[in-house]
Amino acid sequence: IARLVDRLGRLTYQLKAFAHKTRFARAPVDVLQTITNAQLLVSQRLHDTDVEFVVQVQPTGLVVPAEEARLEQVVVNLLGNAIDAMADSPVRQLTVQASASQDHCRVRVSDTGPGIRADILARLFEPFFTSKPAGTGLGLGLMISAHIVRELGGSLRAWNSDGAGACFEIELPMATSLEFEIND
């Protein structure tokens, strides 16, 4: 409970800071720990919707320069959207893969839902655009997530997988030999 309260406090701080355009200090953030924290925050939803959660991180100890709570916020948003997308799917598997590629880290979140319609795919990161029914989504989560990832020097993109489901990929620079920003 104490860890959850601490995370909620950091999230509240992040939301206030986002509204005020505050600069954040980047520090080395363990990618697996971020995924684990995000999983904890959506664990009840995973259980309630009978979603199998798979995590694959190679190499272990993968670190990126980020602000921990903000990166966690992005991952939680992607996990929540994937859980929502699989609501009517007979097979519900949510997979998070992280890997190093040269000087970048890629974190991929994929689901076994119906995928993203072509007319929606082009507008995913627009503010107030949502495919969810009225009252269930504001259309800000992906826009804010893309903004956070850009501020961290990375990118967020989405596509449909060949079989079924959607894939979202966060690409961030690796933490090696990087000078971290000092909070103003």
N, C-alpha and C. Protein backbone atom coordinates (compact mmCIF):
# COMPACT_ATOMS: atom_id res chain seq x y z
N ILE A 1 0.83 -1.18 0.00
CA ILE A 1 0.00 0.00 0.00
C ILE A 1 0.88 1.25 0.00
N ALA A 2 1.97 1.20 0.77
CA ALA A 2 2.87 2.36 0.83
C ALA A 2 3.48 2.65 -0.54
N ARG A 3 3.88 1.60 -1.27
CA ARG A 3 4.45 1.79 -2.61
C ARG A 3 3.40 2.39 -3.54
N LEU A 4 2.17 1.93 -3.45
CA LEU A 4 1.10 2.45 -4.31
C LEU A 4 0.82 3.91 -3.98
N VAL A 5 0.78 4.26 -2.70
CA VAL A 5 0.56 5.65 -2.30
C VAL A 5 1.69 6.53 -2.82
N ASP A 6 2.93 6.04 -2.72
CA ASP A 6 4.08 6.78 -3.24
C ASP A 6 3.93 7.02 -4.74
N ARG A 7 3.53 5.98 -5.48
CA ARG A 7 3.35 6.11 -6.94
C ARG A 7 2.23 7.09 -7.26
N LEU A 8 1.15 7.02 -6.51
CA LEU A 8 0.03 7.95 -6.74
C LEU A 8 0.46 9.38 -6.48
N GLY A 9 1.28 9.58 -5.45
CA GLY A 9 1.82 10.92 -5.17
C GLY A 9 2.67 11.42 -6.31
N ARG A 10 3.52 10.54 -6.85
CA ARG A 10 4.36 10.93 -7.99
C ARG A 10 3.51 11.21 -9.21
N LEU A 11 2.48 10.41 -9.43
CA LEU A 11 1.60 10.62 -10.58
C LEU A 11 0.87 11.96 -10.46
N THR A 12 0.39 12.28 -9.27
CA THR A 12 -0.26 13.57 -9.05
C THR A 12 0.70 14.71 -9.35
N TYR A 13 1.93 14.56 -8.88
CA TYR A 13 2.95 15.57 -9.16
C TYR A 13 3.17 15.69 -10.67
N GLN A 14 3.22 14.56 -11.36
CA GLN A 14 3.44 14.56 -12.80
C GLN A 14 2.30 15.26 -13.54
N LEU A 15 1.07 15.00 -13.12
CA LEU A 15 -0.07 15.64 -13.78
C LEU A 15 -0.05 17.15 -13.57
N LYS A 16 0.29 17.58 -12.36
CA LYS A 16 0.42 19.02 -12.10
C LYS A 16 1.53 19.62 -12.94
N ALA A 17 2.64 18.92 -12.99
CA ALA A 17 3.79 19.41 -13.75
C ALA A 17 3.48 19.45 -15.24
N PHE A 18 2.75 18.46 -15.75
CA PHE A 18 2.40 18.44 -17.16
C PHE A 18 1.55 19.67 -17.50
N ALA A 19 0.64 20.01 -16.61
CA ALA A 19 -0.22 21.17 -16.84
C ALA A 19 0.58 22.47 -16.81
N HIS A 20 1.69 22.49 -16.07
CA HIS A 20 2.50 23.69 -15.96
C HIS A 20 3.77 23.64 -16.79
N LYS A 21 3.95 22.62 -17.61
CA LYS A 21 5.11 22.48 -18.49
C LYS A 21 6.44 22.49 -17.71
N THR A 22 6.45 21.82 -16.57
CA THR A 22 7.66 21.73 -15.75
C THR A 22 8.67 20.81 -16.42
N ARG A 23 9.95 21.15 -16.30
CA ARG A 23 11.01 20.29 -16.81
C ARG A 23 11.32 19.23 -15.76
N PHE A 24 11.64 18.04 -16.21
CA PHE A 24 11.90 16.93 -15.31
C PHE A 24 13.36 16.52 -15.39
N ALA A 25 13.87 16.05 -14.28
CA ALA A 25 15.22 15.52 -14.26
C ALA A 25 15.18 14.08 -14.76
N ARG A 26 16.08 13.76 -15.65
CA ARG A 26 16.17 12.38 -16.12
C ARG A 26 17.23 11.66 -15.31
N ALA A 27 16.96 10.42 -15.05
CA ALA A 27 17.88 9.57 -14.32
C ALA A 27 17.81 8.18 -14.93
N PRO A 28 18.76 7.31 -14.64
CA PRO A 28 18.69 5.94 -15.16
C PRO A 28 17.45 5.23 -14.59
N VAL A 29 16.64 4.69 -15.48
CA VAL A 29 15.42 3.99 -15.08
C VAL A 29 15.49 2.56 -15.61
N ASP A 30 15.29 1.62 -14.71
CA ASP A 30 15.28 0.20 -15.06
C ASP A 30 13.98 -0.13 -15.79
N VAL A 31 14.09 -0.60 -17.01
CA VAL A 31 12.91 -0.85 -17.85
C VAL A 31 12.04 -1.97 -17.27
N LEU A 32 12.66 -3.06 -16.81
CA LEU A 32 11.88 -4.16 -16.23
C LEU A 32 11.13 -3.70 -14.99
N GLN A 33 11.76 -2.90 -14.16
CA GLN A 33 11.07 -2.40 -12.95
C GLN A 33 9.90 -1.51 -13.33
N THR A 34 10.07 -0.71 -14.37
CA THR A 34 8.97 0.15 -14.84
C THR A 34 7.80 -0.69 -15.32
N ILE A 35 8.09 -1.74 -16.07
CA ILE A 35 7.03 -2.64 -16.55
C ILE A 35 6.35 -3.33 -15.37
N THR A 36 7.14 -3.78 -14.41
CA THR A 36 6.60 -4.44 -13.22
C THR A 36 5.70 -3.50 -12.43
N ASN A 37 6.12 -2.24 -12.26
CA ASN A 37 5.30 -1.25 -11.56
C ASN A 37 3.99 -1.00 -12.30
N ALA A 38 4.08 -0.89 -13.63
CA ALA A 38 2.87 -0.67 -14.44
C ALA A 38 1.94 -1.88 -14.33
N GLN A 39 2.51 -3.08 -14.35
CA GLN A 39 1.70 -4.29 -14.21
C GLN A 39 0.96 -4.29 -12.88
N LEU A 40 1.64 -3.88 -11.83
CA LEU A 40 1.01 -3.82 -10.51
C LEU A 40 -0.20 -2.88 -10.53
N LEU A 41 -0.07 -1.76 -11.21
CA LEU A 41 -1.16 -0.79 -11.25
C LEU A 41 -2.37 -1.28 -12.04
N VAL A 42 -2.17 -2.18 -13.00
CA VAL A 42 -3.30 -2.70 -13.78
C VAL A 42 -3.62 -4.15 -13.42
N SER A 43 -3.00 -4.67 -12.38
CA SER A 43 -3.14 -6.10 -12.05
C SER A 43 -4.59 -6.51 -11.80
N GLN A 44 -5.35 -5.67 -11.15
CA GLN A 44 -6.75 -6.04 -10.90
C GLN A 44 -7.52 -6.14 -12.21
N ARG A 45 -7.28 -5.22 -13.13
CA ARG A 45 -7.95 -5.27 -14.44
C ARG A 45 -7.52 -6.50 -15.22
N LEU A 46 -6.23 -6.85 -15.16
CA LEU A 46 -5.75 -8.06 -15.83
C LEU A 46 -6.48 -9.29 -15.29
N HIS A 47 -6.61 -9.34 -13.98
CA HIS A 47 -7.29 -10.47 -13.34
C HIS A 47 -8.77 -10.50 -13.70
N ASP A 48 -9.44 -9.36 -13.58
CA ASP A 48 -10.88 -9.29 -13.83
C ASP A 48 -11.27 -9.63 -15.26
N THR A 49 -10.39 -9.34 -16.21
CA THR A 49 -10.69 -9.59 -17.62
C THR A 49 -10.00 -10.85 -18.15
N ASP A 50 -9.36 -11.60 -17.26
CA ASP A 50 -8.72 -12.87 -17.61
C ASP A 50 -7.70 -12.70 -18.74
N VAL A 51 -6.82 -11.71 -18.58
CA VAL A 51 -5.77 -11.44 -19.58
C VAL A 51 -4.46 -12.08 -19.11
N GLU A 52 -3.86 -12.85 -20.00
CA GLU A 52 -2.54 -13.42 -19.72
C GLU A 52 -1.50 -12.33 -20.00
N PHE A 53 -0.61 -12.10 -19.04
CA PHE A 53 0.39 -11.04 -19.16
C PHE A 53 1.76 -11.68 -19.31
N VAL A 54 2.46 -11.33 -20.40
CA VAL A 54 3.77 -11.90 -20.69
C VAL A 54 4.79 -10.77 -20.78
N VAL A 55 5.91 -10.93 -20.11
CA VAL A 55 6.98 -9.92 -20.14
C VAL A 55 8.26 -10.58 -20.62
N GLN A 56 8.91 -9.95 -21.59
CA GLN A 56 10.20 -10.43 -22.10
C GLN A 56 11.13 -9.22 -22.21
N VAL A 57 12.16 -9.19 -21.37
CA VAL A 57 13.12 -8.09 -21.39
C VAL A 57 14.51 -8.67 -21.60
N GLN A 58 15.15 -8.25 -22.68
CA GLN A 58 16.51 -8.71 -23.00
C GLN A 58 17.34 -7.53 -23.48
N PRO A 59 18.44 -7.25 -22.90
CA PRO A 59 19.04 -7.94 -21.76
C PRO A 59 18.40 -7.48 -20.46
N THR A 60 18.52 -8.31 -19.44
CA THR A 60 18.03 -7.87 -18.13
C THR A 60 18.93 -6.72 -17.69
N GLY A 61 18.40 -5.84 -16.88
CA GLY A 61 19.16 -4.67 -16.46
C GLY A 61 19.15 -3.55 -17.48
N LEU A 62 18.23 -3.61 -18.43
CA LEU A 62 18.10 -2.59 -19.46
C LEU A 62 17.69 -1.27 -18.80
N VAL A 63 18.44 -0.21 -19.08
CA VAL A 63 18.23 1.09 -18.44
C VAL A 63 18.11 2.18 -19.50
N VAL A 64 17.17 3.10 -19.27
CA VAL A 64 16.99 4.24 -20.17
C VAL A 64 17.00 5.52 -19.34
N PRO A 65 17.41 6.65 -19.95
CA PRO A 65 17.34 7.92 -19.23
C PRO A 65 15.90 8.44 -19.31
N ALA A 66 15.26 8.56 -18.18
CA ALA A 66 13.85 8.97 -18.18
C ALA A 66 13.50 9.52 -16.81
N GLU A 67 12.26 9.91 -16.68
CA GLU A 67 11.71 10.26 -15.38
C GLU A 67 10.78 9.09 -15.08
N GLU A 68 11.09 8.34 -14.03
CA GLU A 68 10.45 7.06 -13.77
C GLU A 68 8.92 7.10 -13.80
N ALA A 69 8.32 8.02 -13.09
CA ALA A 69 6.86 8.07 -13.01
C ALA A 69 6.23 8.38 -14.37
N ARG A 70 6.88 9.21 -15.15
CA ARG A 70 6.32 9.56 -16.46
C ARG A 70 6.39 8.38 -17.43
N LEU A 71 7.52 7.66 -17.42
CA LEU A 71 7.63 6.48 -18.28
C LEU A 71 6.62 5.42 -17.84
N GLU A 72 6.47 5.27 -16.54
CA GLU A 72 5.48 4.33 -16.01
C GLU A 72 4.08 4.73 -16.45
N GLN A 73 3.79 6.02 -16.45
CA GLN A 73 2.48 6.52 -16.89
C GLN A 73 2.21 6.10 -18.33
N VAL A 74 3.21 6.20 -19.19
CA VAL A 74 3.05 5.80 -20.59
C VAL A 74 2.75 4.31 -20.69
N VAL A 75 3.50 3.50 -19.97
CA VAL A 75 3.31 2.05 -20.04
C VAL A 75 1.94 1.67 -19.48
N VAL A 76 1.52 2.28 -18.38
CA VAL A 76 0.20 2.00 -17.81
C VAL A 76 -0.89 2.34 -18.83
N ASN A 77 -0.75 3.46 -19.51
CA ASN A 77 -1.74 3.86 -20.51
C ASN A 77 -1.82 2.82 -21.64
N LEU A 78 -0.67 2.37 -22.13
CA LEU A 78 -0.66 1.38 -23.21
C LEU A 78 -1.25 0.06 -22.74
N LEU A 79 -0.94 -0.35 -21.52
CA LEU A 79 -1.50 -1.60 -20.98
C LEU A 79 -3.02 -1.48 -20.84
N GLY A 80 -3.48 -0.36 -20.30
CA GLY A 80 -4.92 -0.16 -20.12
C GLY A 80 -5.67 -0.16 -21.43
N ASN A 81 -5.10 0.49 -22.44
CA ASN A 81 -5.74 0.50 -23.76
C ASN A 81 -5.80 -0.91 -24.35
N ALA A 82 -4.73 -1.68 -24.17
CA ALA A 82 -4.70 -3.05 -24.69
C ALA A 82 -5.75 -3.91 -23.99
N ILE A 83 -5.87 -3.76 -22.68
CA ILE A 83 -6.88 -4.52 -21.94
C ILE A 83 -8.27 -4.18 -22.46
N ASP A 84 -8.54 -2.90 -22.66
CA ASP A 84 -9.84 -2.47 -23.21
C ASP A 84 -10.08 -3.06 -24.59
N ALA A 85 -9.04 -3.07 -25.44
CA ALA A 85 -9.18 -3.54 -26.82
C ALA A 85 -9.51 -5.03 -26.88
N MET A 86 -9.08 -5.79 -25.89
CA MET A 86 -9.29 -7.24 -25.91
C MET A 86 -10.58 -7.68 -25.22
N ALA A 87 -11.42 -6.76 -24.83
CA ALA A 87 -12.63 -7.08 -24.05
C ALA A 87 -13.47 -8.18 -24.68
N ASP A 88 -13.61 -8.18 -26.00
CA ASP A 88 -14.46 -9.16 -26.68
C ASP A 88 -13.67 -10.24 -27.39
N SER A 89 -12.38 -10.31 -27.14
CA SER A 89 -11.53 -11.30 -27.82
C SER A 89 -11.57 -12.64 -27.09
N PRO A 90 -11.64 -13.74 -27.84
CA PRO A 90 -11.66 -15.05 -27.18
C PRO A 90 -10.31 -15.38 -26.52
N VAL A 91 -9.22 -14.91 -27.11
CA VAL A 91 -7.88 -15.09 -26.55
C VAL A 91 -7.40 -13.73 -26.11
N ARG A 92 -7.01 -13.62 -24.83
CA ARG A 92 -6.55 -12.33 -24.31
C ARG A 92 -5.14 -12.49 -23.78
N GLN A 93 -4.19 -12.05 -24.61
CA GLN A 93 -2.79 -12.08 -24.19
C GLN A 93 -2.18 -10.71 -24.44
N LEU A 94 -1.57 -10.19 -23.42
CA LEU A 94 -0.91 -8.89 -23.47
C LEU A 94 0.59 -9.15 -23.27
N THR A 95 1.38 -8.77 -24.26
CA THR A 95 2.81 -9.04 -24.22
C THR A 95 3.58 -7.73 -24.23
N VAL A 96 4.55 -7.62 -23.32
CA VAL A 96 5.45 -6.48 -23.28
C VAL A 96 6.85 -7.01 -23.49
N GLN A 97 7.48 -6.53 -24.55
CA GLN A 97 8.84 -6.94 -24.88
C GLN A 97 9.73 -5.71 -24.86
N ALA A 98 10.91 -5.85 -24.30
CA ALA A 98 11.87 -4.75 -24.31
C ALA A 98 13.21 -5.30 -24.76
N SER A 99 13.88 -4.55 -25.60
CA SER A 99 15.18 -5.00 -26.11
C SER A 99 16.05 -3.80 -26.43
N ALA A 100 17.34 -4.08 -26.50
CA ALA A 100 18.31 -3.05 -26.86
C ALA A 100 18.67 -3.23 -28.33
N SER A 101 18.79 -2.12 -29.02
CA SER A 101 19.17 -2.14 -30.42
C SER A 101 20.14 -0.98 -30.65
N GLN A 102 21.41 -1.29 -30.79
CA GLN A 102 22.46 -0.29 -30.92
C GLN A 102 22.39 0.69 -29.75
N ASP A 103 22.03 1.93 -30.00
CA ASP A 103 21.99 2.93 -28.93
C ASP A 103 20.56 3.27 -28.50
N HIS A 104 19.60 2.39 -28.84
CA HIS A 104 18.20 2.63 -28.47
C HIS A 104 17.61 1.43 -27.74
N CYS A 105 16.57 1.72 -26.98
CA CYS A 105 15.78 0.69 -26.32
C CYS A 105 14.40 0.73 -26.93
N ARG A 106 13.86 -0.43 -27.20
CA ARG A 106 12.50 -0.52 -27.73
C ARG A 106 11.64 -1.30 -26.75
N VAL A 107 10.51 -0.72 -26.40
CA VAL A 107 9.53 -1.38 -25.55
C VAL A 107 8.27 -1.54 -26.37
N ARG A 108 7.90 -2.79 -26.63
CA ARG A 108 6.74 -3.08 -27.48
C ARG A 108 5.62 -3.69 -26.65
N VAL A 109 4.43 -3.11 -26.78
CA VAL A 109 3.24 -3.61 -26.10
C VAL A 109 2.30 -4.12 -27.18
N SER A 110 2.00 -5.43 -27.15
CA SER A 110 1.11 -5.99 -28.16
C SER A 110 -0.01 -6.79 -27.51
N ASP A 111 -1.15 -6.78 -28.20
CA ASP A 111 -2.32 -7.46 -27.66
C ASP A 111 -2.92 -8.38 -28.72
N THR A 112 -3.88 -9.17 -28.31
CA THR A 112 -4.57 -10.09 -29.23
C THR A 112 -5.99 -9.62 -29.52
N GLY A 113 -6.20 -8.33 -29.47
CA GLY A 113 -7.50 -7.75 -29.77
C GLY A 113 -7.74 -7.70 -31.27
N PRO A 114 -8.74 -6.95 -31.69
CA PRO A 114 -9.11 -6.88 -33.10
C PRO A 114 -8.19 -6.01 -33.95
N GLY A 115 -7.26 -5.31 -33.32
CA GLY A 115 -6.41 -4.38 -34.07
C GLY A 115 -7.06 -3.01 -34.16
N ILE A 116 -6.38 -2.12 -34.85
CA ILE A 116 -6.84 -0.74 -34.97
C ILE A 116 -7.36 -0.51 -36.39
N ARG A 117 -8.57 -0.01 -36.50
CA ARG A 117 -9.14 0.26 -37.83
C ARG A 117 -8.26 1.27 -38.55
N ALA A 118 -8.15 1.15 -39.86
CA ALA A 118 -7.29 2.02 -40.67
C ALA A 118 -7.65 3.50 -40.51
N ASP A 119 -8.95 3.81 -40.44
CA ASP A 119 -9.35 5.20 -40.31
C ASP A 119 -8.99 5.78 -38.94
N ILE A 120 -8.84 4.93 -37.95
CA ILE A 120 -8.45 5.36 -36.61
C ILE A 120 -6.94 5.44 -36.47
N LEU A 121 -6.24 4.53 -37.10
CA LEU A 121 -4.78 4.43 -36.98
C LEU A 121 -4.09 5.75 -37.31
N ALA A 122 -4.57 6.43 -38.31
CA ALA A 122 -3.95 7.69 -38.73
C ALA A 122 -4.17 8.83 -37.73
N ARG A 123 -5.15 8.68 -36.85
CA ARG A 123 -5.49 9.78 -35.92
C ARG A 123 -5.25 9.43 -34.45
N LEU A 124 -4.60 8.32 -34.19
CA LEU A 124 -4.44 7.82 -32.82
C LEU A 124 -3.88 8.84 -31.84
N PHE A 125 -2.93 9.64 -32.26
CA PHE A 125 -2.22 10.52 -31.35
C PHE A 125 -2.76 11.96 -31.35
N GLU A 126 -3.93 12.15 -31.95
CA GLU A 126 -4.58 13.46 -31.94
C GLU A 126 -5.31 13.68 -30.62
N PRO A 127 -5.29 14.91 -30.11
CA PRO A 127 -6.01 15.17 -28.86
C PRO A 127 -7.51 15.01 -29.03
N PHE A 128 -8.14 14.44 -28.02
CA PHE A 128 -9.59 14.24 -27.93
C PHE A 128 -10.14 13.27 -28.97
N PHE A 129 -9.26 12.51 -29.63
CA PHE A 129 -9.74 11.49 -30.56
C PHE A 129 -9.77 10.16 -29.83
N THR A 130 -10.91 9.51 -29.82
CA THR A 130 -11.04 8.21 -29.17
C THR A 130 -11.98 7.32 -29.96
N SER A 131 -11.72 6.04 -29.90
CA SER A 131 -12.62 5.07 -30.51
C SER A 131 -13.52 4.44 -29.45
N LYS A 132 -13.33 4.83 -28.21
CA LYS A 132 -14.12 4.27 -27.10
C LYS A 132 -15.48 4.95 -27.05
N PRO A 133 -16.47 4.25 -26.51
CA PRO A 133 -17.81 4.84 -26.39
C PRO A 133 -17.79 6.08 -25.49
N ALA A 134 -18.75 6.95 -25.69
CA ALA A 134 -18.86 8.18 -24.90
C ALA A 134 -18.87 7.83 -23.42
N GLY A 135 -18.11 8.60 -22.66
CA GLY A 135 -18.06 8.39 -21.22
C GLY A 135 -16.99 7.43 -20.76
N THR A 136 -16.29 6.77 -21.69
CA THR A 136 -15.26 5.81 -21.27
C THR A 136 -13.85 6.24 -21.66
N GLY A 137 -13.72 7.25 -22.48
CA GLY A 137 -12.39 7.71 -22.86
C GLY A 137 -12.42 9.16 -23.29
N LEU A 138 -11.37 9.90 -22.90
CA LEU A 138 -11.29 11.31 -23.27
C LEU A 138 -10.53 11.53 -24.57
N GLY A 139 -9.73 10.56 -24.98
CA GLY A 139 -8.91 10.76 -26.17
C GLY A 139 -7.65 11.55 -25.89
N LEU A 140 -7.18 11.50 -24.66
CA LEU A 140 -5.96 12.23 -24.30
C LEU A 140 -4.79 11.32 -23.95
N GLY A 141 -5.04 10.08 -23.60
CA GLY A 141 -4.00 9.18 -23.13
C GLY A 141 -2.87 8.98 -24.12
N LEU A 142 -3.18 8.67 -25.36
CA LEU A 142 -2.12 8.43 -26.35
C LEU A 142 -1.43 9.72 -26.74
N MET A 143 -2.17 10.82 -26.79
CA MET A 143 -1.55 12.10 -27.10
C MET A 143 -0.55 12.49 -26.02
N ILE A 144 -0.94 12.35 -24.75
CA ILE A 144 -0.04 12.67 -23.64
C ILE A 144 1.14 11.71 -23.64
N SER A 145 0.88 10.43 -23.88
CA SER A 145 1.96 9.44 -23.91
C SER A 145 2.99 9.76 -24.98
N ALA A 146 2.52 10.11 -26.17
CA ALA A 146 3.45 10.45 -27.25
C ALA A 146 4.25 11.70 -26.89
N HIS A 147 3.61 12.65 -26.25
CA HIS A 147 4.28 13.88 -25.81
C HIS A 147 5.38 13.56 -24.79
N ILE A 148 5.08 12.73 -23.82
CA ILE A 148 6.06 12.34 -22.81
C ILE A 148 7.25 11.65 -23.45
N VAL A 149 6.98 10.71 -24.34
CA VAL A 149 8.07 9.97 -24.99
C VAL A 149 8.94 10.91 -25.82
N ARG A 150 8.33 11.86 -26.52
CA ARG A 150 9.11 12.85 -27.28
C ARG A 150 9.99 13.68 -26.37
N GLU A 151 9.45 14.10 -25.22
CA GLU A 151 10.25 14.86 -24.25
C GLU A 151 11.44 14.06 -23.74
N LEU A 152 11.31 12.75 -23.73
CA LEU A 152 12.40 11.87 -23.28
C LEU A 152 13.37 11.56 -24.42
N GLY A 153 13.17 12.19 -25.58
CA GLY A 153 14.06 11.99 -26.71
C GLY A 153 13.73 10.80 -27.57
N GLY A 154 12.52 10.28 -27.43
CA GLY A 154 12.15 9.08 -28.17
C GLY A 154 10.94 9.27 -29.06
N SER A 155 10.35 8.14 -29.43
CA SER A 155 9.16 8.17 -30.29
C SER A 155 8.21 7.06 -29.86
N LEU A 156 6.94 7.25 -30.19
CA LEU A 156 5.88 6.27 -29.94
C LEU A 156 5.16 6.06 -31.25
N ARG A 157 5.04 4.81 -31.66
CA ARG A 157 4.32 4.52 -32.90
C ARG A 157 3.42 3.31 -32.70
N ALA A 158 2.50 3.11 -33.64
CA ALA A 158 1.53 2.02 -33.53
C ALA A 158 1.29 1.40 -34.90
N TRP A 159 0.95 0.13 -34.91
CA TRP A 159 0.58 -0.58 -36.12
C TRP A 159 -0.20 -1.83 -35.73
N ASN A 160 -0.79 -2.48 -36.71
CA ASN A 160 -1.48 -3.74 -36.49
C ASN A 160 -0.52 -4.89 -36.77
N SER A 161 -0.58 -5.91 -35.93
CA SER A 161 0.28 -7.08 -36.15
C SER A 161 -0.31 -7.92 -37.27
N ASP A 162 0.50 -8.80 -37.81
CA ASP A 162 0.08 -9.62 -38.95
C ASP A 162 -1.10 -10.54 -38.60
N GLY A 163 -1.05 -11.16 -37.44
CA GLY A 163 -2.14 -12.05 -37.04
C GLY A 163 -3.36 -11.27 -36.63
N ALA A 164 -3.39 -10.89 -35.39
CA ALA A 164 -4.48 -10.06 -34.86
C ALA A 164 -3.91 -9.22 -33.74
N GLY A 165 -4.50 -8.09 -33.53
CA GLY A 165 -4.07 -7.24 -32.43
C GLY A 165 -3.28 -6.04 -32.89
N ALA A 166 -3.01 -5.19 -31.92
CA ALA A 166 -2.26 -3.96 -32.17
C ALA A 166 -0.92 -4.02 -31.47
N CYS A 167 0.04 -3.27 -32.00
CA CYS A 167 1.36 -3.14 -31.39
C CYS A 167 1.66 -1.66 -31.22
N PHE A 168 2.16 -1.31 -30.05
CA PHE A 168 2.65 0.04 -29.78
C PHE A 168 4.10 -0.10 -29.39
N GLU A 169 4.93 0.76 -29.95
CA GLU A 169 6.36 0.66 -29.64
C GLU A 169 6.90 2.01 -29.20
N ILE A 170 7.54 1.98 -28.03
CA ILE A 170 8.25 3.13 -27.49
C ILE A 170 9.71 2.93 -27.85
N GLU A 171 10.33 3.93 -28.45
CA GLU A 171 11.77 3.87 -28.71
C GLU A 171 12.43 5.02 -27.97
N LEU A 172 13.40 4.68 -27.13
CA LEU A 172 14.10 5.67 -26.31
C LEU A 172 15.61 5.48 -26.45
N PRO A 173 16.37 6.55 -26.27
CA PRO A 173 17.82 6.39 -26.27
C PRO A 173 18.26 5.60 -25.04
N MET A 174 19.37 4.87 -25.16
CA MET A 174 19.91 4.12 -24.03
C MET A 174 20.59 5.09 -23.06
N ALA A 175 20.78 4.66 -21.84
CA ALA A 175 21.34 5.50 -20.79
C ALA A 175 22.86 5.56 -20.82
N THR A 176 23.51 4.79 -21.64
CA THR A 176 24.97 4.76 -21.62
C THR A 176 25.55 6.10 -22.01
N SER A 177 26.54 6.53 -21.26
CA SER A 177 27.29 7.77 -21.49
C SER A 177 26.41 8.98 -21.81
N LEU A 178 25.33 9.12 -21.08
CA LEU A 178 24.42 10.24 -21.29
C LEU A 178 24.45 11.14 -20.06
N GLU A 179 24.56 12.42 -20.26
CA GLU A 179 24.48 13.35 -19.15
C GLU A 179 23.02 13.62 -18.88
N PHE A 180 22.63 13.51 -17.62
CA PHE A 180 21.24 13.69 -17.26
C PHE A 180 20.97 15.15 -16.95
N GLU A 181 19.76 15.57 -17.32
CA GLU A 181 19.35 16.95 -17.10
C GLU A 181 19.14 17.18 -15.61
N ILE A 182 19.40 18.38 -15.19
CA ILE A 182 19.15 18.77 -13.81
C ILE A 182 17.80 19.48 -13.78
N ASN A 183 16.98 19.11 -12.81
CA ASN A 183 15.66 19.72 -12.66
C ASN A 183 15.83 21.21 -12.37
N ASP A 184 15.11 22.06 -13.09
CA ASP A 184 15.21 23.51 -12.91
C ASP A 184 14.65 23.95 -11.58
